[in-house]
Protein backbone atom coordinates (compact mmCIF):
# COMPACT_ATOMS: atom_id res chain seq x y z
CA MET A 1 50.10 118.81 92.46
CA ASN A 2 52.06 119.51 89.28
CA LEU A 3 52.32 123.17 88.34
CA THR A 4 53.21 124.47 84.90
CA PHE A 5 56.18 126.78 84.37
CA GLU A 6 53.78 129.70 83.88
CA GLU A 7 51.98 128.93 87.16
CA ILE A 8 55.25 128.65 89.06
CA ARG A 9 56.59 131.89 87.59
CA GLY A 10 53.33 133.69 88.37
CA LEU A 11 53.29 132.62 92.01
CA GLU A 12 56.96 133.46 92.61
CA GLU A 13 56.70 136.85 90.93
CA LYS A 14 53.58 137.65 92.96
CA HIS A 15 54.84 136.59 96.38
CA LEU A 16 58.65 136.39 96.41
CA ALA A 17 60.84 139.40 97.14
CA PRO A 18 62.16 140.64 93.75
CA THR A 19 65.84 140.31 94.67
CA TYR A 20 66.98 137.62 92.24
CA GLN A 21 67.93 137.75 88.57
CA LYS A 22 65.62 135.02 87.29
CA MET A 23 66.47 132.48 84.61
CA PRO A 24 63.70 131.10 82.33
CA VAL A 25 63.56 127.60 83.79
CA ALA A 26 61.76 125.86 86.68
CA ILE A 27 63.76 122.92 88.05
CA LYS A 28 61.88 120.00 89.56
CA SER A 29 64.44 117.22 90.09
CA GLY A 30 68.06 116.27 89.72
CA ARG A 31 70.40 113.31 89.66
CA GLY A 32 74.17 113.42 89.49
CA CYS A 33 75.34 116.31 87.30
CA LYS A 34 71.96 116.78 85.63
CA VAL A 35 68.72 118.53 86.58
CA TYR A 36 65.26 118.33 85.01
CA ASP A 37 62.62 121.01 84.60
CA VAL A 38 58.87 120.70 85.12
CA ASN A 39 58.49 119.53 81.52
CA GLY A 40 61.12 116.83 81.90
CA LYS A 41 63.82 118.62 79.89
CA GLU A 42 67.39 117.71 80.89
CA TYR A 43 70.15 120.19 81.69
CA ILE A 44 73.80 119.73 82.59
CA ASP A 45 74.15 121.62 85.86
CA PHE A 46 77.12 124.00 85.88
CA MET A 47 75.21 126.23 88.32
CA THR A 48 74.79 123.80 91.27
CA GLY A 49 72.76 126.26 93.33
CA TYR A 50 75.64 128.77 93.15
CA GLY A 51 78.20 126.16 94.08
CA VAL A 52 76.21 124.33 96.75
CA ALA A 53 75.67 120.92 95.09
CA ILE A 54 79.37 120.05 95.02
CA LEU A 55 78.57 116.31 94.99
CA GLY A 56 75.81 116.73 92.44
CA HIS A 57 72.21 115.75 93.12
CA GLY A 58 71.14 112.65 95.03
CA TYR A 59 74.58 111.63 96.27
CA PRO A 60 73.99 108.39 98.22
CA ARG A 61 76.09 109.27 101.28
CA ILE A 62 74.15 112.50 101.79
CA ILE A 63 70.73 110.94 101.26
CA ASP A 64 71.46 108.08 103.65
CA SER A 65 72.90 110.39 106.28
CA ILE A 66 69.98 112.84 106.20
CA LYS A 67 67.37 110.05 106.25
CA SER A 68 69.04 108.36 109.20
CA GLN A 69 69.31 111.59 111.17
CA LEU A 70 65.71 112.60 110.44
CA GLU A 71 64.54 109.27 111.84
CA ASN A 72 66.54 109.98 114.99
CA ILE A 73 66.28 113.72 115.72
CA ALA A 74 66.51 116.84 113.53
CA VAL A 75 66.95 119.62 116.10
CA VAL A 76 69.33 119.82 119.04
CA HIS A 77 70.20 123.38 120.08
CA SER A 78 73.89 124.05 120.66
CA SER A 79 73.22 124.71 124.36
CA VAL A 80 72.80 120.93 124.58
CA TYR A 81 75.48 118.43 123.51
CA SER A 82 74.91 116.43 120.33
CA GLU A 83 76.62 113.24 119.20
CA GLN A 84 76.19 114.14 115.53
CA ARG A 85 77.67 117.60 116.09
CA ALA A 86 80.65 116.06 117.87
CA LEU A 87 81.23 113.60 115.02
CA PHE A 88 81.08 116.41 112.45
CA LEU A 89 83.56 118.54 114.41
CA LYS A 90 85.96 115.60 114.78
CA LYS A 91 85.90 115.05 111.01
CA LEU A 92 86.10 118.78 110.25
CA VAL A 93 89.23 119.47 112.30
CA SER A 94 90.96 116.50 110.69
CA ILE A 95 90.97 118.36 107.35
CA THR A 96 91.21 122.04 108.33
CA PRO A 97 94.54 123.90 108.08
CA LYS A 98 97.10 123.51 110.84
CA ASN A 99 95.91 124.77 114.26
CA LEU A 100 92.49 125.91 113.00
CA SER A 101 90.75 123.56 115.39
CA ALA A 102 88.02 125.76 116.92
CA ALA A 103 84.76 126.18 115.02
CA TYR A 104 81.61 128.26 115.07
CA LEU A 105 78.67 126.63 113.25
CA SER A 106 76.06 128.70 111.44
CA ASN A 107 73.73 128.49 108.44
CA SER A 108 75.49 130.17 105.52
CA GLY A 109 78.74 131.58 104.21
CA ALA A 110 77.63 135.12 105.04
CA GLU A 111 77.03 134.07 108.65
CA ALA A 112 80.47 132.49 108.72
CA ILE A 113 81.90 135.87 107.70
CA GLU A 114 79.88 137.65 110.40
CA ALA A 115 81.41 135.38 113.04
CA ALA A 116 84.89 135.94 111.61
CA LEU A 117 84.40 139.71 111.86
CA LYS A 118 83.52 139.51 115.53
CA VAL A 119 86.45 137.20 116.26
CA VAL A 120 89.11 139.40 114.63
CA LEU A 121 87.78 142.68 116.02
CA LYS A 122 87.55 141.38 119.58
CA ALA A 123 90.79 139.36 119.49
CA THR A 124 92.94 142.25 118.25
CA LYS A 125 91.04 145.17 119.86
CA ARG A 126 91.69 147.00 116.58
CA LYS A 127 88.95 148.59 114.47
CA LYS A 128 90.23 148.68 110.89
CA ILE A 129 90.04 145.93 108.29
CA ILE A 130 91.44 145.52 104.78
CA ALA A 131 89.34 143.82 102.10
CA MET A 132 89.91 143.58 98.35
CA THR A 133 88.51 145.22 95.26
CA GLY A 134 86.23 142.75 93.51
CA ALA A 135 85.60 140.93 96.79
CA TYR A 136 82.34 139.20 97.62
CA HIS A 137 81.77 138.01 101.19
CA GLY A 138 77.97 138.12 101.43
CA LYS A 139 75.15 140.63 101.81
CA THR A 140 74.28 140.67 105.52
CA LEU A 141 75.32 144.02 106.98
CA GLY A 142 78.68 142.92 108.39
CA ALA A 143 79.57 140.80 105.38
CA LEU A 144 78.34 143.55 103.07
CA SER A 145 80.89 145.94 104.55
CA LEU A 146 83.58 143.62 103.10
CA THR A 147 81.86 143.17 99.72
CA PHE A 148 83.19 145.57 97.12
CA SER A 149 80.40 146.03 94.57
CA GLU A 150 78.70 149.41 94.66
CA LYS A 151 75.41 147.93 93.44
CA TYR A 152 75.15 145.85 96.61
CA ARG A 153 76.39 148.54 99.02
CA LYS A 154 74.87 151.83 97.88
CA ALA A 155 71.43 151.48 99.48
CA PHE A 156 72.97 150.59 102.85
CA ASP A 157 76.18 152.60 102.82
CA ASP A 158 75.24 154.70 105.85
CA ILE A 159 74.72 151.68 108.13
CA ILE A 160 77.40 149.15 107.16
CA TYR A 161 80.63 148.85 109.16
CA LYS A 162 82.87 151.83 108.43
CA GLY A 163 86.20 150.33 109.44
CA VAL A 164 86.75 148.55 106.12
CA GLU A 165 89.19 149.82 103.48
CA PHE A 166 89.67 148.23 100.06
CA ALA A 167 93.00 147.42 98.44
CA GLU A 168 93.45 146.31 94.84
CA TYR A 169 93.21 142.52 94.61
CA GLY A 170 96.51 141.01 93.55
CA ASN A 171 98.55 144.12 94.43
CA LEU A 172 100.66 143.77 97.58
CA GLU A 173 101.86 147.38 97.42
CA ALA A 174 98.25 148.54 97.57
CA VAL A 175 97.84 146.80 100.93
CA GLU A 176 100.76 148.63 102.53
CA ARG A 177 100.61 151.97 100.74
CA GLY A 178 99.60 154.89 102.98
CA ARG A 179 98.51 152.76 105.92
CA ARG A 180 99.66 152.47 109.54
CA LEU A 181 99.26 148.71 109.49
CA GLU A 182 99.59 148.31 113.25
CA GLU A 183 96.07 149.80 113.45
CA TYR A 184 94.43 147.00 111.40
CA ALA A 185 92.74 143.94 112.84
CA ALA A 186 92.55 141.73 109.77
CA ILE A 187 92.95 141.21 106.06
CA PHE A 188 90.03 139.41 104.41
CA VAL A 189 90.73 137.70 101.08
CA GLU A 190 89.29 135.10 98.73
CA PRO A 191 92.17 132.95 97.43
CA ILE A 192 90.33 132.94 94.10
CA GLN A 193 87.62 135.54 93.64
CA GLY A 194 84.31 133.91 92.73
CA GLU A 195 81.65 136.59 92.28
CA GLY A 196 84.48 138.82 91.04
CA GLY A 197 84.78 136.62 87.95
CA ILE A 198 87.03 133.65 88.91
CA ARG A 199 90.05 135.89 89.38
CA LEU A 200 93.26 134.05 90.26
CA PRO A 201 95.94 135.91 92.25
CA PRO A 202 99.55 136.48 91.18
CA GLU A 203 101.76 133.61 92.30
CA ASP A 204 103.35 135.48 95.22
CA TYR A 205 100.21 137.32 96.38
CA LEU A 206 98.81 135.14 99.17
CA LYS A 207 102.28 134.44 100.53
CA GLY A 208 102.90 138.18 100.53
CA LEU A 209 99.67 138.85 102.42
CA ARG A 210 100.67 136.22 104.98
CA GLU A 211 104.02 137.96 105.50
CA ILE A 212 102.46 141.42 105.79
CA ALA A 213 99.96 140.10 108.33
CA GLU A 214 102.60 138.42 110.49
CA LYS A 215 104.90 141.43 110.40
CA ASN A 216 102.17 143.78 111.64
CA GLY A 217 100.15 141.61 114.04
CA ILE A 218 97.26 141.43 111.60
CA LEU A 219 95.01 138.37 111.30
CA LEU A 220 94.64 136.80 107.86
CA VAL A 221 91.09 135.64 107.13
CA VAL A 222 90.71 133.42 104.06
CA ASP A 223 87.20 133.10 102.62
CA GLU A 224 86.88 129.56 101.21
CA VAL A 225 83.08 129.63 100.93
CA GLN A 226 83.15 129.20 97.14
CA SER A 227 86.70 128.01 96.48
CA GLY A 228 87.02 125.43 99.26
CA LEU A 229 86.02 121.78 99.74
CA GLY A 230 87.94 120.43 96.77
CA ARG A 231 86.61 122.88 94.19
CA THR A 232 90.09 123.77 92.85
CA GLY A 233 91.75 120.35 93.11
CA LYS A 234 92.92 120.74 96.70
CA MET A 235 90.76 120.65 99.82
CA TRP A 236 91.31 124.39 100.29
CA ALA A 237 92.26 126.74 97.46
CA HIS A 238 94.85 128.59 99.56
CA GLU A 239 96.86 125.35 99.74
CA HIS A 240 97.94 125.95 96.14
CA TRP A 241 100.06 128.81 97.51
CA ASN A 242 101.32 127.08 100.67
CA ILE A 243 99.95 129.45 103.31
CA VAL A 244 97.98 128.93 106.51
CA PRO A 245 95.32 131.49 107.53
CA ASP A 246 94.45 132.54 111.07
CA VAL A 247 90.72 132.31 110.39
CA MET A 248 88.86 130.56 107.57
CA THR A 249 85.23 130.66 106.47
CA ILE A 250 83.38 127.75 104.86
CA GLY A 251 79.90 127.53 103.33
CA LYS A 252 77.96 126.53 100.22
CA GLY A 253 78.71 122.81 99.71
CA ILE A 254 79.62 122.00 103.32
CA GLY A 255 76.03 120.99 104.18
CA GLY A 256 75.39 118.91 101.07
CA GLY A 257 72.39 121.09 100.25
CA ILE A 258 71.35 121.66 103.88
CA PRO A 259 72.06 125.31 104.90
CA MET A 260 75.35 125.43 106.79
CA GLY A 261 78.26 127.76 107.41
CA VAL A 262 81.44 127.24 109.41
CA THR A 263 84.05 129.61 110.80
CA VAL A 264 87.29 127.98 111.93
CA ALA A 265 90.13 129.67 113.77
CA ARG A 266 92.98 129.06 116.15
CA PRO A 267 91.44 128.29 119.57
CA GLU A 268 92.96 131.34 121.26
CA LEU A 269 91.17 133.52 118.71
CA MET A 270 87.79 131.78 118.68
CA ASN A 271 87.73 131.59 122.47
CA VAL A 272 87.64 135.37 122.85
CA LEU A 273 83.90 135.07 122.20
CA GLU A 274 82.08 134.71 125.49
CA VAL A 275 78.82 132.93 126.30
CA GLY A 276 75.95 134.68 124.54
CA GLU A 277 78.07 136.99 122.38
CA HIS A 278 77.37 135.16 119.13
CA THR A 279 74.85 132.34 118.83
CA SER A 280 72.50 130.79 116.27
CA THR A 281 69.26 128.94 116.91
CA MET A 282 69.78 126.61 113.97
CA GLY A 283 73.58 126.63 113.82
CA GLY A 284 75.10 123.21 114.38
CA ASN A 285 71.80 121.35 114.23
CA PRO A 286 72.29 117.59 113.90
CA LEU A 287 70.63 117.36 110.48
CA ALA A 288 73.14 119.82 108.97
CA CYS A 289 75.99 118.16 110.85
CA ALA A 290 75.01 114.72 109.54
CA ALA A 291 74.94 116.06 105.99
CA GLY A 292 78.20 117.94 106.56
CA LYS A 293 80.00 114.85 107.82
CA ALA A 294 78.74 112.91 104.79
CA VAL A 295 80.20 115.60 102.51
CA LEU A 296 83.56 115.50 104.27
CA ASP A 297 83.60 111.69 104.24
CA ALA A 298 82.95 111.73 100.49
CA LEU A 299 85.69 114.27 99.86
CA THR A 300 88.25 112.26 101.82
CA GLU A 301 87.20 108.72 100.89
CA ASP A 302 85.50 108.72 97.47
CA HIS A 303 88.33 110.08 95.25
CA ILE A 304 86.37 113.26 94.60
CA ILE A 305 89.32 115.66 94.66
CA GLU A 306 91.31 113.38 92.34
CA ASN A 307 88.39 113.61 89.92
CA VAL A 308 88.45 117.41 90.15
CA ARG A 309 92.12 117.46 89.15
CA GLU A 310 91.63 115.10 86.21
CA VAL A 311 88.32 116.37 84.86
CA GLY A 312 89.15 119.97 85.72
CA SER A 313 92.32 119.83 83.62
CA TYR A 314 90.39 118.15 80.80
CA THR A 315 87.61 120.75 80.94
CA MET A 316 89.97 123.73 80.97
CA LYS A 317 91.75 122.29 77.92
CA LEU A 318 88.42 121.80 76.13
CA LEU A 319 87.25 125.32 76.93
CA SER A 320 90.55 126.88 75.91
CA GLU A 321 90.87 124.99 72.63
CA GLU A 322 87.23 124.99 71.52
CA VAL A 323 85.31 127.75 73.28
CA GLY A 324 88.31 130.06 73.51
CA ARG A 325 88.57 130.28 69.71
CA SER A 326 85.31 132.21 69.45
CA ARG A 327 85.64 135.82 68.32
CA ILE A 328 83.56 136.97 71.27
CA VAL A 329 85.63 135.17 73.93
CA LYS A 330 88.22 137.34 75.65
CA GLU A 331 89.67 134.81 78.12
CA VAL A 332 89.17 131.34 79.59
CA ARG A 333 90.50 130.95 83.14
CA GLY A 334 90.12 128.91 86.28
CA LYS A 335 91.53 126.22 88.52
CA GLY A 336 90.09 122.75 89.02
CA LEU A 337 86.34 122.97 88.49
CA MET A 338 86.10 126.70 89.27
CA MET A 339 86.05 128.22 85.80
CA ALA A 340 85.10 131.30 83.81
CA VAL A 341 84.72 132.33 80.20
CA GLU A 342 85.01 136.08 79.85
CA LEU A 343 83.22 137.46 76.79
CA ARG A 344 83.72 140.61 74.73
CA VAL A 345 79.95 141.10 74.86
CA ARG A 346 77.31 141.00 77.59
CA PHE A 347 76.68 137.47 78.77
CA LEU A 348 72.86 137.42 78.99
CA GLU A 349 71.89 136.25 75.49
CA VAL A 350 74.63 133.62 75.42
CA LEU A 351 73.63 132.34 78.85
CA PHE A 352 69.92 132.12 77.92
CA LYS A 353 70.79 130.34 74.65
CA ALA A 354 72.91 127.82 76.60
CA ILE A 355 69.91 127.16 78.84
CA GLU A 356 67.79 126.59 75.74
CA PHE A 357 70.39 124.08 74.51
CA GLY A 358 70.53 122.27 77.86
CA LEU A 359 73.28 123.86 79.99
CA LEU A 360 72.73 125.80 83.22
CA THR A 361 75.55 128.11 84.14
CA LEU A 362 76.28 131.22 86.21
CA TYR A 363 77.63 134.66 85.52
CA SER A 364 79.72 137.43 87.06
CA GLY A 365 79.50 141.13 86.33
CA LYS A 366 78.30 141.90 82.80
CA THR A 367 80.54 139.76 80.59
CA VAL A 368 81.64 136.63 82.49
CA LEU A 369 80.08 133.17 82.30
CA ARG A 370 80.99 131.50 85.60
CA MET A 371 80.96 127.70 85.94
CA LEU A 372 80.80 125.69 89.16
CA PRO A 373 79.89 122.15 88.09
CA PRO A 374 79.59 119.25 90.54
CA LEU A 375 82.93 117.81 91.57
CA ILE A 376 81.75 114.40 90.32
CA LEU A 377 81.60 115.69 86.73
CA SER A 378 82.60 113.13 84.09
CA LYS A 379 84.64 113.84 80.96
CA GLU A 380 81.63 112.94 78.83
CA GLU A 381 79.43 115.49 80.63
CA SER A 382 82.20 118.05 80.42
CA ALA A 383 82.54 117.54 76.67
CA LYS A 384 78.79 117.90 76.18
CA ALA A 385 78.73 121.12 78.22
CA ALA A 386 81.62 122.57 76.21
CA SER A 387 79.81 121.63 72.99
CA ILE A 388 76.65 123.41 74.14
CA LEU A 389 78.60 126.49 75.12
CA ARG A 390 80.40 126.52 71.78
CA GLU A 391 77.05 126.16 69.99
CA SER A 392 75.64 129.07 71.98
CA LEU A 393 78.61 131.27 71.08
CA ASN A 394 78.29 130.26 67.41
CA TRP A 395 74.62 131.25 67.51
CA TYR A 396 75.53 134.66 68.89
CA GLU A 397 78.23 135.24 66.28
CA LYS A 398 75.92 134.32 63.40
CA SER A 399 72.87 136.23 64.61
CA LYS A 400 74.39 139.27 66.30
CA ILE A 401 77.68 140.04 64.55
């Protein structure tokens, strides 16, 4: 059955919980860095399912791996051993930071954060946690307690975890000021804030957090859900600042489109969780593990991260020189293929015009266009996307200013 856009929109608006900001497009298929709507129109995909399709659409390794596993077995609960799970874990710990060799497998980045919360609270026997202004760690109740935005928290403020305090992102003094740090279990931080608008830290910030944590017996939890897996030109974004976390969370692209989240930690931390204290029916299922191993194999064997460095540098230069000249652009920023264009106006009309011209992108707050293209992006596709964005900004300037 082929539904029209109007039929699809009608059914979703009638039956789906109204919790998403909808864009005026219905996607039916995708290949590489491009997706196609129900009418066959082509779009360059700088949205990638909010950073999930890091290898684009239809990547052969992922397709082959999922097909093979489906023909074998799709579900093996983690109370039973699984060859595919073992193979994924072996590959995973070969690329995780030093000593982070114990993993909890779940179904999303938010779930990875939930596991990290339990680990740090039980391991330290402390009740307070520091998170950052502008932070986004998910919307489940535990993760929501670490997420800064009032619009996400206000309806649930009386039931989220009360031990979290926020310090200004990028400000080391704000972490220490007025606190008895020996009372805190952990510091949670995104090395580059994603939902917060692709905010990069000051050069000494992450190193400073590492030093504060070590000095006071605090665990440093680095959220790599959006910034990890090669997105910034290194496997993990925190590697740009030469630190090693105590706990790290992974999500989005790790499952190649199959829902998956991972929490990794030093074994002595992860092993404080006892049998039954934190489990997941679907976590670590062999289908997700097969897809996850295919993603990690691609990242380590297919020159993906090298492409991010080359095309990321090219794209940032294009955006800065061409898009950045617009009167309504305040700043172009990013690292690798994790990029943002901050506007002097609200983003919505520019974003919708870009969709009309054939570019799908994301947003942050009220004025930021956020871009998370596939890591396989070519220079030609990058140039076309920049041209569309420039055309959209020109349209706004001519029609609105």
